[in-house]
Each structure stands twice: as structure tokens, then as C-alpha cells.
Amino acid sequence: IADAMIGMNTFQVRRVPISLGMFTDDEFRTMQRR
């Protein structure tokens, strides 16, 4: 799945990390302002 979603030898520049759901509410609000 990981390679199928993102690609082989690949990285992504994102506004928020993939693991967004594992952050606290304060961290989430900070990332939403990015």
C-alpha cells in the first residue's frame, strides 16, 4: 500500500503529515494554520 499510494523511491512535501490523526488538538490547530 505505501508504495502504491506514494510511489517507489519517492517522498512528498505536504502541508500536514500523514499521521495527522495522532496529534493533540493544539498541534492540530497549529498545523491547520500552515
Full PDB file with SEQRES, HELIX, SHEET, SSBOND, CRYST1, ORIGX, SCALE, CONECT and MASTER records, all heavy atoms in Angstrom:
SEQRES   1 A   34  ILE ALA ASP ALA MET ILE GLY MET ASN THR PHE GLN VAL          
SEQRES   2 A   34  ARG ARG VAL PRO ILE SER LEU GLY MET PHE THR ASP ASP          
SEQRES   3 A   34  GLU PHE ARG THR MET GLN ARG ARG                              
HELIX    1 AA1 ALA A    2  ILE A    6  1                                   5    
HELIX    2 AA2 LEU A   20  MET A   22  5                                   3    
HELIX    3 AA3 ASP A   25  GLN A   32  1                                   8    
CRYST1    1.000    1.000    1.000  90.00  90.00  90.00 P 1           1          
ORIGX1      1.000000  0.000000  0.000000        0.00000                         
ORIGX2      0.000000  1.000000  0.000000        0.00000                         
ORIGX3      0.000000  0.000000  1.000000        0.00000                         
SCALE1      1.000000  0.000000  0.000000        0.00000                         
SCALE2      0.000000  1.000000  0.000000        0.00000                         
SCALE3      0.000000  0.000000  1.000000        0.00000                         
ATOM      1  N   ILE A   1       0.804  -1.215   0.000  1.00  0.00           N  
ATOM      2  CA  ILE A   1       0.000   0.000   0.000  1.00  0.00           C  
ATOM      3  C   ILE A   1       0.837   1.265   0.000  1.00  0.00           C  
ATOM      4  O   ILE A   1       0.553   2.214  -0.723  1.00  0.00           O  
ATOM      5  CB  ILE A   1      -0.971  -0.006   1.195  1.00  0.00           C  
ATOM      6  CG1 ILE A   1      -1.934  -1.191   1.071  1.00  0.00           C  
ATOM      7  CG2 ILE A   1      -1.761   1.292   1.250  1.00  0.00           C  
ATOM      8  CD1 ILE A   1      -2.920  -1.305   2.208  1.00  0.00           C  
ATOM      9  N   ALA A   2       1.900   1.300   0.839  1.00  0.00           N  
ATOM     10  CA  ALA A   2       2.685   2.536   0.954  1.00  0.00           C  
ATOM     11  C   ALA A   2       3.269   2.941  -0.396  1.00  0.00           C  
ATOM     12  O   ALA A   2       3.172   4.092  -0.823  1.00  0.00           O  
ATOM     13  CB  ALA A   2       3.793   2.349   1.990  1.00  0.00           C  
ATOM     14  N   ASP A   3       3.898   1.990  -1.077  1.00  0.00           N  
ATOM     15  CA  ASP A   3       4.483   2.307  -2.387  1.00  0.00           C  
ATOM     16  C   ASP A   3       3.405   2.597  -3.417  1.00  0.00           C  
ATOM     17  O   ASP A   3       3.594   3.432  -4.311  1.00  0.00           O  
ATOM     18  CB  ASP A   3       5.371   1.150  -2.868  1.00  0.00           C  
ATOM     19  CG  ASP A   3       6.696   1.098  -2.112  1.00  0.00           C  
ATOM     20  OD1 ASP A   3       7.084   2.137  -1.543  1.00  0.00           O  
ATOM     21  OD2 ASP A   3       7.323   0.029  -2.086  1.00  0.00           O  
ATOM     22  N   ALA A   4       2.261   1.907  -3.320  1.00  0.00           N  
ATOM     23  CA  ALA A   4       1.182   2.152  -4.282  1.00  0.00           C  
ATOM     24  C   ALA A   4       0.601   3.550  -4.102  1.00  0.00           C  
ATOM     25  O   ALA A   4       0.209   4.206  -5.069  1.00  0.00           O  
ATOM     26  CB  ALA A   4       0.084   1.105  -4.110  1.00  0.00           C  
ATOM     27  N   MET A   5       0.548   4.038  -2.871  1.00  0.00           N  
ATOM     28  CA  MET A   5      -0.024   5.354  -2.615  1.00  0.00           C  
ATOM     29  C   MET A   5       0.944   6.480  -2.974  1.00  0.00           C  
ATOM     30  O   MET A   5       0.545   7.499  -3.534  1.00  0.00           O  
ATOM     31  CB  MET A   5      -0.421   5.478  -1.141  1.00  0.00           C  
ATOM     32  CG  MET A   5      -1.631   4.660  -0.745  1.00  0.00           C  
ATOM     33  SD  MET A   5      -2.045   4.885   0.986  1.00  0.00           S  
ATOM     34  CE  MET A   5      -2.410   6.627   1.038  1.00  0.00           C  
ATOM     35  N   ILE A   6       2.200   6.319  -2.614  1.00  0.00           N  
ATOM     36  CA  ILE A   6       3.156   7.415  -2.757  1.00  0.00           C  
ATOM     37  C   ILE A   6       4.109   7.200  -3.930  1.00  0.00           C  
ATOM     38  O   ILE A   6       4.461   8.141  -4.630  1.00  0.00           O  
ATOM     39  CB  ILE A   6       3.934   7.604  -1.433  1.00  0.00           C  
ATOM     40  CG1 ILE A   6       2.956   8.059  -0.341  1.00  0.00           C  
ATOM     41  CG2 ILE A   6       5.057   8.602  -1.586  1.00  0.00           C  
ATOM     42  CD1 ILE A   6       3.583   8.273   1.009  1.00  0.00           C  
ATOM     43  N   GLY A   7       4.513   5.942  -4.161  1.00  0.00           N  
ATOM     44  CA  GLY A   7       5.423   5.661  -5.258  1.00  0.00           C  
ATOM     45  C   GLY A   7       6.762   5.150  -4.757  1.00  0.00           C  
ATOM     46  O   GLY A   7       7.158   5.393  -3.621  1.00  0.00           O  
ATOM     47  N   MET A   8       7.477   4.430  -5.619  1.00  0.00           N  
ATOM     48  CA  MET A   8       8.799   3.904  -5.285  1.00  0.00           C  
ATOM     49  C   MET A   8       9.835   5.021  -5.342  1.00  0.00           C  
ATOM     50  O   MET A   8       9.778   5.898  -6.203  1.00  0.00           O  
ATOM     51  CB  MET A   8       9.180   2.790  -6.270  1.00  0.00           C  
ATOM     52  CG  MET A   8       8.327   1.536  -6.146  1.00  0.00           C  
ATOM     53  SD  MET A   8       8.752   0.559  -4.693  1.00  0.00           S  
ATOM     54  CE  MET A   8      10.365  -0.037  -5.171  1.00  0.00           C  
ATOM     55  N   ASN A   9      10.801   4.992  -4.398  1.00  0.00           N  
ATOM     56  CA  ASN A   9      11.888   5.983  -4.355  1.00  0.00           C  
ATOM     57  C   ASN A   9      11.335   7.406  -4.344  1.00  0.00           C  
ATOM     58  O   ASN A   9      11.880   8.312  -4.975  1.00  0.00           O  
ATOM     59  CB  ASN A   9      12.845   5.813  -5.538  1.00  0.00           C  
ATOM     60  CG  ASN A   9      13.427   4.417  -5.627  1.00  0.00           C  
ATOM     61  OD1 ASN A   9      13.519   3.716  -4.626  1.00  0.00           O  
ATOM     62  ND2 ASN A   9      13.810   4.000  -6.820  1.00  0.00           N  
ATOM     63  N   THR A  10      10.245   7.588  -3.628  1.00  0.00           N  
ATOM     64  CA  THR A  10       9.510   8.849  -3.686  1.00  0.00           C  
ATOM     65  C   THR A  10       9.297   9.422  -2.288  1.00  0.00           C  
ATOM     66  O   THR A  10       9.142   8.678  -1.317  1.00  0.00           O  
ATOM     67  CB  THR A  10       8.138   8.628  -4.359  1.00  0.00           C  
ATOM     68  OG1 THR A  10       8.345   8.152  -5.681  1.00  0.00           O  
ATOM     69  CG2 THR A  10       7.328   9.912  -4.423  1.00  0.00           C  
ATOM     70  N   PHE A  11       9.307  10.749  -2.208  1.00  0.00           N  
ATOM     71  CA  PHE A  11       8.886  11.423  -0.979  1.00  0.00           C  
ATOM     72  C   PHE A  11       7.937  12.550  -1.345  1.00  0.00           C  
ATOM     73  O   PHE A  11       7.825  12.945  -2.509  1.00  0.00           O  
ATOM     74  CB  PHE A  11      10.075  11.939  -0.170  1.00  0.00           C  
ATOM     75  CG  PHE A  11      10.868  13.033  -0.833  1.00  0.00           C  
ATOM     76  CD1 PHE A  11      10.556  14.382  -0.629  1.00  0.00           C  
ATOM     77  CD2 PHE A  11      11.961  12.734  -1.644  1.00  0.00           C  
ATOM     78  CE1 PHE A  11      11.286  15.393  -1.230  1.00  0.00           C  
ATOM     79  CE2 PHE A  11      12.707  13.743  -2.245  1.00  0.00           C  
ATOM     80  CZ  PHE A  11      12.367  15.080  -2.038  1.00  0.00           C  
ATOM     81  N   GLN A  12       7.224  13.036  -0.337  1.00  0.00           N  
ATOM     82  CA  GLN A  12       6.241  14.088  -0.573  1.00  0.00           C  
ATOM     83  C   GLN A  12       6.475  15.283   0.339  1.00  0.00           C  
ATOM     84  O   GLN A  12       6.900  15.126   1.487  1.00  0.00           O  
ATOM     85  CB  GLN A  12       4.817  13.559  -0.344  1.00  0.00           C  
ATOM     86  CG  GLN A  12       4.344  12.583  -1.404  1.00  0.00           C  
ATOM     87  CD  GLN A  12       2.895  12.174  -1.199  1.00  0.00           C  
ATOM     88  OE1 GLN A  12       2.368  12.198  -0.087  1.00  0.00           O  
ATOM     89  NE2 GLN A  12       2.227  11.790  -2.279  1.00  0.00           N  
ATOM     90  N   VAL A  13       6.191  16.459  -0.193  1.00  0.00           N  
ATOM     91  CA  VAL A  13       6.154  17.686   0.598  1.00  0.00           C  
ATOM     92  C   VAL A  13       4.676  17.999   0.807  1.00  0.00           C  
ATOM     93  O   VAL A  13       3.930  18.207  -0.151  1.00  0.00           O  
ATOM     94  CB  VAL A  13       6.858  18.854  -0.128  1.00  0.00           C  
ATOM     95  CG1 VAL A  13       6.831  20.109   0.747  1.00  0.00           C  
ATOM     96  CG2 VAL A  13       8.289  18.475  -0.495  1.00  0.00           C  
ATOM     97  N   ARG A  14       4.269  18.016   2.080  1.00  0.00           N  
ATOM     98  CA  ARG A  14       2.854  18.145   2.407  1.00  0.00           C  
ATOM     99  C   ARG A  14       2.636  19.294   3.393  1.00  0.00           C  
ATOM    100  O   ARG A  14       3.562  19.708   4.097  1.00  0.00           O  
ATOM    101  CB  ARG A  14       2.326  16.856   3.051  1.00  0.00           C  
ATOM    102  CG  ARG A  14       2.683  15.580   2.315  1.00  0.00           C  
ATOM    103  CD  ARG A  14       2.311  14.348   3.121  1.00  0.00           C  
ATOM    104  NE  ARG A  14       0.881  14.258   3.317  1.00  0.00           N  
ATOM    105  CZ  ARG A  14       0.065  13.603   2.504  1.00  0.00           C  
ATOM    106  NH1 ARG A  14       0.541  12.956   1.457  1.00  0.00           N  
ATOM    107  NH2 ARG A  14      -1.218  13.569   2.738  1.00  0.00           N  
ATOM    108  N   ARG A  15       1.420  19.753   3.440  1.00  0.00           N  
ATOM    109  CA  ARG A  15       1.059  20.777   4.435  1.00  0.00           C  
ATOM    110  C   ARG A  15       1.060  20.171   5.832  1.00  0.00           C  
ATOM    111  O   ARG A  15       1.533  20.785   6.798  1.00  0.00           O  
ATOM    112  CB  ARG A  15      -0.319  21.342   4.097  1.00  0.00           C  
ATOM    113  CG  ARG A  15      -0.835  22.381   5.079  1.00  0.00           C  
ATOM    114  CD  ARG A  15      -2.070  23.070   4.507  1.00  0.00           C  
ATOM    115  NE  ARG A  15      -2.732  23.911   5.469  1.00  0.00           N  
ATOM    116  CZ  ARG A  15      -3.865  23.602   6.097  1.00  0.00           C  
ATOM    117  NH1 ARG A  15      -4.451  22.437   5.834  1.00  0.00           N  
ATOM    118  NH2 ARG A  15      -4.415  24.433   6.960  1.00  0.00           N  
ATOM    119  N   VAL A  16       0.506  18.973   5.975  1.00  0.00           N  
ATOM    120  CA  VAL A  16       0.463  18.286   7.261  1.00  0.00           C  
ATOM    121  C   VAL A  16       0.952  16.857   7.051  1.00  0.00           C  
ATOM    122  O   VAL A  16       0.849  16.310   5.953  1.00  0.00           O  
ATOM    123  CB  VAL A  16      -0.964  18.279   7.856  1.00  0.00           C  
ATOM    124  CG1 VAL A  16      -1.411  19.686   8.171  1.00  0.00           C  
ATOM    125  CG2 VAL A  16      -1.944  17.595   6.915  1.00  0.00           C  
ATOM    126  N   PRO A  17       1.497  16.216   8.086  1.00  0.00           N  
ATOM    127  CA  PRO A  17       1.985  14.839   7.924  1.00  0.00           C  
ATOM    128  C   PRO A  17       0.850  13.849   7.747  1.00  0.00           C  
ATOM    129  O   PRO A  17      -0.307  14.122   8.083  1.00  0.00           O  
ATOM    130  CB  PRO A  17       2.759  14.586   9.231  1.00  0.00           C  
ATOM    131  CG  PRO A  17       2.182  15.545  10.204  1.00  0.00           C  
ATOM    132  CD  PRO A  17       1.764  16.751   9.429  1.00  0.00           C  
ATOM    133  N   ILE A  18       1.200  12.679   7.235  1.00  0.00           N  
ATOM    134  CA  ILE A  18       0.208  11.617   7.039  1.00  0.00           C  
ATOM    135  C   ILE A  18      -0.422  11.218   8.362  1.00  0.00           C  
ATOM    136  O   ILE A  18      -1.613  10.923   8.439  1.00  0.00           O  
ATOM    137  CB  ILE A  18       0.870  10.399   6.366  1.00  0.00           C  
ATOM    138  CG1 ILE A  18       1.256  10.752   4.930  1.00  0.00           C  
ATOM    139  CG2 ILE A  18      -0.050   9.192   6.377  1.00  0.00           C  
ATOM    140  CD1 ILE A  18       2.033   9.679   4.222  1.00  0.00           C  
ATOM    141  N   SER A  19       0.353  11.213   9.428  1.00  0.00           N  
ATOM    142  CA  SER A  19      -0.127  10.762  10.735  1.00  0.00           C  
ATOM    143  C   SER A  19      -0.835  11.866  11.502  1.00  0.00           C  
ATOM    144  O   SER A  19      -0.725  11.969  12.717  1.00  0.00           O  
ATOM    145  CB  SER A  19       1.048  10.231  11.568  1.00  0.00           C  
ATOM    146  OG  SER A  19       2.073  11.203  11.656  1.00  0.00           O  
ATOM    147  N   LEU A  20      -1.606  12.687  10.801  1.00  0.00           N  
ATOM    148  CA  LEU A  20      -2.273  13.832  11.427  1.00  0.00           C  
ATOM    149  C   LEU A  20      -3.157  13.409  12.592  1.00  0.00           C  
ATOM    150  O   LEU A  20      -3.210  14.077  13.616  1.00  0.00           O  
ATOM    151  CB  LEU A  20      -3.108  14.573  10.376  1.00  0.00           C  
ATOM    152  CG  LEU A  20      -3.918  15.777  10.879  1.00  0.00           C  
ATOM    153  CD1 LEU A  20      -2.994  16.828  11.440  1.00  0.00           C  
ATOM    154  CD2 LEU A  20      -4.783  16.351   9.783  1.00  0.00           C  
ATOM    155  N   GLY A  21      -3.843  12.294  12.463  1.00  0.00           N  
ATOM    156  CA  GLY A  21      -4.785  11.883  13.495  1.00  0.00           C  
ATOM    157  C   GLY A  21      -4.154  11.527  14.822  1.00  0.00           C  
ATOM    158  O   GLY A  21      -4.856  11.350  15.810  1.00  0.00           O  
ATOM    159  N   MET A  22      -2.821  11.404  14.881  1.00  0.00           N  
ATOM    160  CA  MET A  22      -2.156  11.010  16.111  1.00  0.00           C  
ATOM    161  C   MET A  22      -1.630  12.210  16.891  1.00  0.00           C  
ATOM    162  O   MET A  22      -0.887  12.048  17.846  1.00  0.00           O  
ATOM    163  CB  MET A  22      -1.002  10.049  15.788  1.00  0.00           C  
ATOM    164  CG  MET A  22      -1.383   8.862  14.925  1.00  0.00           C  
ATOM    165  SD  MET A  22      -2.763   7.889  15.579  1.00  0.00           S  
ATOM    166  CE  MET A  22      -1.986   7.136  16.992  1.00  0.00           C  
ATOM    167  N   PHE A  23      -2.014  13.439  16.506  1.00  0.00           N  
ATOM    168  CA  PHE A  23      -1.544  14.634  17.187  1.00  0.00           C  
ATOM    169  C   PHE A  23      -2.595  15.153  18.155  1.00  0.00           C  
ATOM    170  O   PHE A  23      -3.775  14.829  18.066  1.00  0.00           O  
ATOM    171  CB  PHE A  23      -1.167  15.730  16.180  1.00  0.00           C  
ATOM    172  CG  PHE A  23       0.067  15.415  15.385  1.00  0.00           C  
ATOM    173  CD1 PHE A  23      -0.033  14.918  14.094  1.00  0.00           C  
ATOM    174  CD2 PHE A  23       1.316  15.593  15.932  1.00  0.00           C  
ATOM    175  CE1 PHE A  23       1.097  14.617  13.366  1.00  0.00           C  
ATOM    176  CE2 PHE A  23       2.457  15.310  15.208  1.00  0.00           C  
ATOM    177  CZ  PHE A  23       2.356  14.814  13.927  1.00  0.00           C  
ATOM    178  N   THR A  24      -2.146  16.020  19.082  1.00  0.00           N  
ATOM    179  CA  THR A  24      -3.068  16.629  20.035  1.00  0.00           C  
ATOM    180  C   THR A  24      -3.879  17.720  19.340  1.00  0.00           C  
ATOM    181  O   THR A  24      -3.561  18.146  18.228  1.00  0.00           O  
ATOM    182  CB  THR A  24      -2.293  17.245  21.212  1.00  0.00           C  
ATOM    183  OG1 THR A  24      -1.484  18.321  20.711  1.00  0.00           O  
ATOM    184  CG2 THR A  24      -1.394  16.207  21.883  1.00  0.00           C  
ATOM    185  N   ASP A  25      -4.903  18.200  20.037  1.00  0.00           N  
ATOM    186  CA  ASP A  25      -5.751  19.257  19.472  1.00  0.00           C  
ATOM    187  C   ASP A  25      -4.952  20.525  19.199  1.00  0.00           C  
ATOM    188  O   ASP A  25      -5.162  21.187  18.176  1.00  0.00           O  
ATOM    189  CB  ASP A  25      -6.914  19.557  20.423  1.00  0.00           C  
ATOM    190  CG  ASP A  25      -7.926  18.422  20.478  1.00  0.00           C  
ATOM    191  OD1 ASP A  25      -7.904  17.571  19.559  1.00  0.00           O  
ATOM    192  OD2 ASP A  25      -8.731  18.383  21.426  1.00  0.00           O  
ATOM    193  N   ASP A  26      -4.044  20.878  20.122  1.00  0.00           N  
ATOM    194  CA  ASP A  26      -3.235  22.095  19.932  1.00  0.00           C  
ATOM    195  C   ASP A  26      -2.324  21.952  18.717  1.00  0.00           C  
ATOM    196  O   ASP A  26      -2.186  22.899  17.921  1.00  0.00           O  
ATOM    197  CB  ASP A  26      -2.396  22.374  21.182  1.00  0.00           C  
ATOM    198  CG  ASP A  26      -3.248  22.867  22.347  1.00  0.00           C  
ATOM    199  OD1 ASP A  26      -4.380  23.331  22.086  1.00  0.00           O  
ATOM    200  OD2 ASP A  26      -2.796  22.772  23.502  1.00  0.00           O  
ATOM    201  N   GLU A  27      -1.701  20.771  18.577  1.00  0.00           N  
ATOM    202  CA  GLU A  27      -0.841  20.551  17.417  1.00  0.00           C  
ATOM    203  C   GLU A  27      -1.656  20.578  16.126  1.00  0.00           C  
ATOM    204  O   GLU A  27      -1.196  21.115  15.110  1.00  0.00           O  
ATOM    205  CB  GLU A  27      -0.111  19.205  17.565  1.00  0.00           C  
ATOM    206  CG  GLU A  27       0.949  19.197  18.657  1.00  0.00           C  
ATOM    207  CD  GLU A  27       1.495  17.810  18.917  1.00  0.00           C  
ATOM    208  OE1 GLU A  27       0.738  16.832  18.787  1.00  0.00           O  
ATOM    209  OE2 GLU A  27       2.680  17.699  19.266  1.00  0.00           O  
ATOM    210  N   PHE A  28      -2.853  20.023  16.184  1.00  0.00           N  
ATOM    211  CA  PHE A  28      -3.720  20.024  15.007  1.00  0.00           C  
ATOM    212  C   PHE A  28      -4.076  21.461  14.599  1.00  0.00           C  
ATOM    213  O   PHE A  28      -4.022  21.808  13.414  1.00  0.00           O  
ATOM    214  CB  PHE A  28      -4.995  19.226  15.295  1.00  0.00           C  
ATOM    215  CG  PHE A  28      -5.998  19.255  14.178  1.00  0.00           C  
ATOM    216  CD1 PHE A  28      -5.835  18.478  13.053  1.00  0.00           C  
ATOM    217  CD2 PHE A  28      -7.121  20.076  14.254  1.00  0.00           C  
ATOM    218  CE1 PHE A  28      -6.753  18.512  12.016  1.00  0.00           C  
ATOM    219  CE2 PHE A  28      -8.042  20.120  13.233  1.00  0.00           C  
ATOM    220  CZ  PHE A  28      -7.859  19.334  12.110  1.00  0.00           C  
ATOM    221  N   ARG A  29      -4.445  22.288  15.580  1.00  0.00           N  
ATOM    222  CA  ARG A  29      -4.803  23.676  15.267  1.00  0.00           C  
ATOM    223  C   ARG A  29      -3.599  24.442  14.699  1.00  0.00           C  
ATOM    224  O   ARG A  29      -3.762  25.262  13.786  1.00  0.00           O  
ATOM    225  CB  ARG A  29      -5.340  24.366  16.528  1.00  0.00           C  
ATOM    226  CG  ARG A  29      -6.776  23.985  16.854  1.00  0.00           C  
ATOM    227  CD  ARG A  29      -7.349  24.885  17.933  1.00  0.00           C  
ATOM    228  NE  ARG A  29      -6.725  24.628  19.224  1.00  0.00           N  
ATOM    229  CZ  ARG A  29      -7.204  23.750  20.108  1.00  0.00           C  
ATOM    230  NH1 ARG A  29      -8.295  23.058  19.832  1.00  0.00           N  
ATOM    231  NH2 ARG A  29      -6.598  23.571  21.270  1.00  0.00           N  
ATOM    232  N   THR A  30      -2.405  24.145  15.223  1.00  0.00           N  
ATOM    233  CA  THR A  30      -1.198  24.792  14.694  1.00  0.00           C  
ATOM    234  C   THR A  30      -0.973  24.401  13.236  1.00  0.00           C  
ATOM    235  O   THR A  30      -0.663  25.251  12.388  1.00  0.00           O  
ATOM    236  CB  THR A  30       0.036  24.396  15.537  1.00  0.00           C  
ATOM    237  OG1 THR A  30      -0.165  24.838  16.881  1.00  0.00           O  
ATOM    238  CG2 THR A  30       1.306  25.035  14.978  1.00  0.00           C  
ATOM    239  N   MET A  31      -1.152  23.121  12.927  1.00  0.00           N  
ATOM    240  CA  MET A  31      -0.956  22.659  11.558  1.00  0.00           C  
ATOM    241  C   MET A  31      -2.013  23.210  10.613  1.00  0.00           C  
ATOM    242  O   MET A  31      -1.740  23.452   9.437  1.00  0.00           O  
ATOM    243  CB  MET A  31      -0.965  21.127  11.524  1.00  0.00           C  
ATOM    244  CG  MET A  31       0.255  20.515  12.181  1.00  0.00           C  
ATOM    245  SD  MET A  31       0.197  18.721  12.150  1.00  0.00           S  
ATOM    246  CE  MET A  31       1.666  18.348  13.123  1.00  0.00           C  
ATOM    247  N   GLN A  32      -3.216  23.426  11.123  1.00  0.00           N  
ATOM    248  CA  GLN A  32      -4.277  23.975  10.282  1.00  0.00           C  
ATOM    249  C   GLN A  32      -3.967  25.411   9.840  1.00  0.00           C  
ATOM    250  O   GLN A  32      -4.507  25.883   8.839  1.00  0.00           O  
ATOM    251  CB  GLN A  32      -5.618  23.945  11.030  1.00  0.00           C  
ATOM    252  CG  GLN A  32      -6.209  22.542  11.160  1.00  0.00           C  
ATOM    253  CD  GLN A  32      -6.537  21.933   9.795  1.00  0.00           C  
ATOM    254  OE1 GLN A  32      -5.742  21.188   9.233  1.00  0.00           O  
ATOM    255  NE2 GLN A  32      -7.690  22.260   9.266  1.00  0.00           N  
ATOM    256  N   ARG A  33      -3.103  26.082  10.594  1.00  0.00           N  
ATOM    257  CA  ARG A  33      -2.726  27.450  10.231  1.00  0.00           C  
ATOM    258  C   ARG A  33      -1.585  27.505   9.217  1.00  0.00           C  
ATOM    259  O   ARG A  33      -1.210  28.579   8.758  1.00  0.00           O  
ATOM    260  CB  ARG A  33      -2.339  28.235  11.491  1.00  0.00           C  
ATOM    261  CG  ARG A  33      -3.515  28.524  12.424  1.00  0.00           C  
ATOM    262  CD  ARG A  33      -3.161  29.562  13.465  1.00  0.00           C  
ATOM    263  NE  ARG A  33      -2.185  29.060  14.428  1.00  0.00           N  
ATOM    264  CZ  ARG A  33      -2.512  28.463  15.569  1.00  0.00           C  
ATOM    265  NH1 ARG A  33      -3.791  28.281  15.892  1.00  0.00           N  
ATOM    266  NH2 ARG A  33      -1.567  28.037  16.394  1.00  0.00           N  
ATOM    267  N   ARG A  34      -1.039  26.359   8.887  1.00  0.00           N  
ATOM    268  CA  ARG A  34       0.043  26.340   7.903  1.00  0.00           C  
ATOM    269  C   ARG A  34      -0.465  26.747   6.517  1.00  0.00           C  
ATOM    270  O   ARG A  34      -1.598  26.424   6.151  1.00  0.00           O  
ATOM    271  CB  ARG A  34       0.643  24.930   7.806  1.00  0.00           C  
ATOM    272  CG  ARG A  34       1.451  24.491   9.014  1.00  0.00           C  
ATOM    273  CD  ARG A  34       1.968  23.082   8.817  1.00  0.00           C  
ATOM    274  NE  ARG A  34       2.872  22.664   9.877  1.00  0.00           N  
ATOM    275  CZ  ARG A  34       3.486  21.490   9.908  1.00  0.00           C  
ATOM    276  NH1 ARG A  34       3.259  20.605   8.939  1.00  0.00           N  
ATOM    277  NH2 ARG A  34       4.307  21.194  10.896  1.00  0.00           N  
TER     278      ARG A  34                                                      
MASTER        0    0    0    3    0    0    0    6  277    1    0    3          
END                                                                             
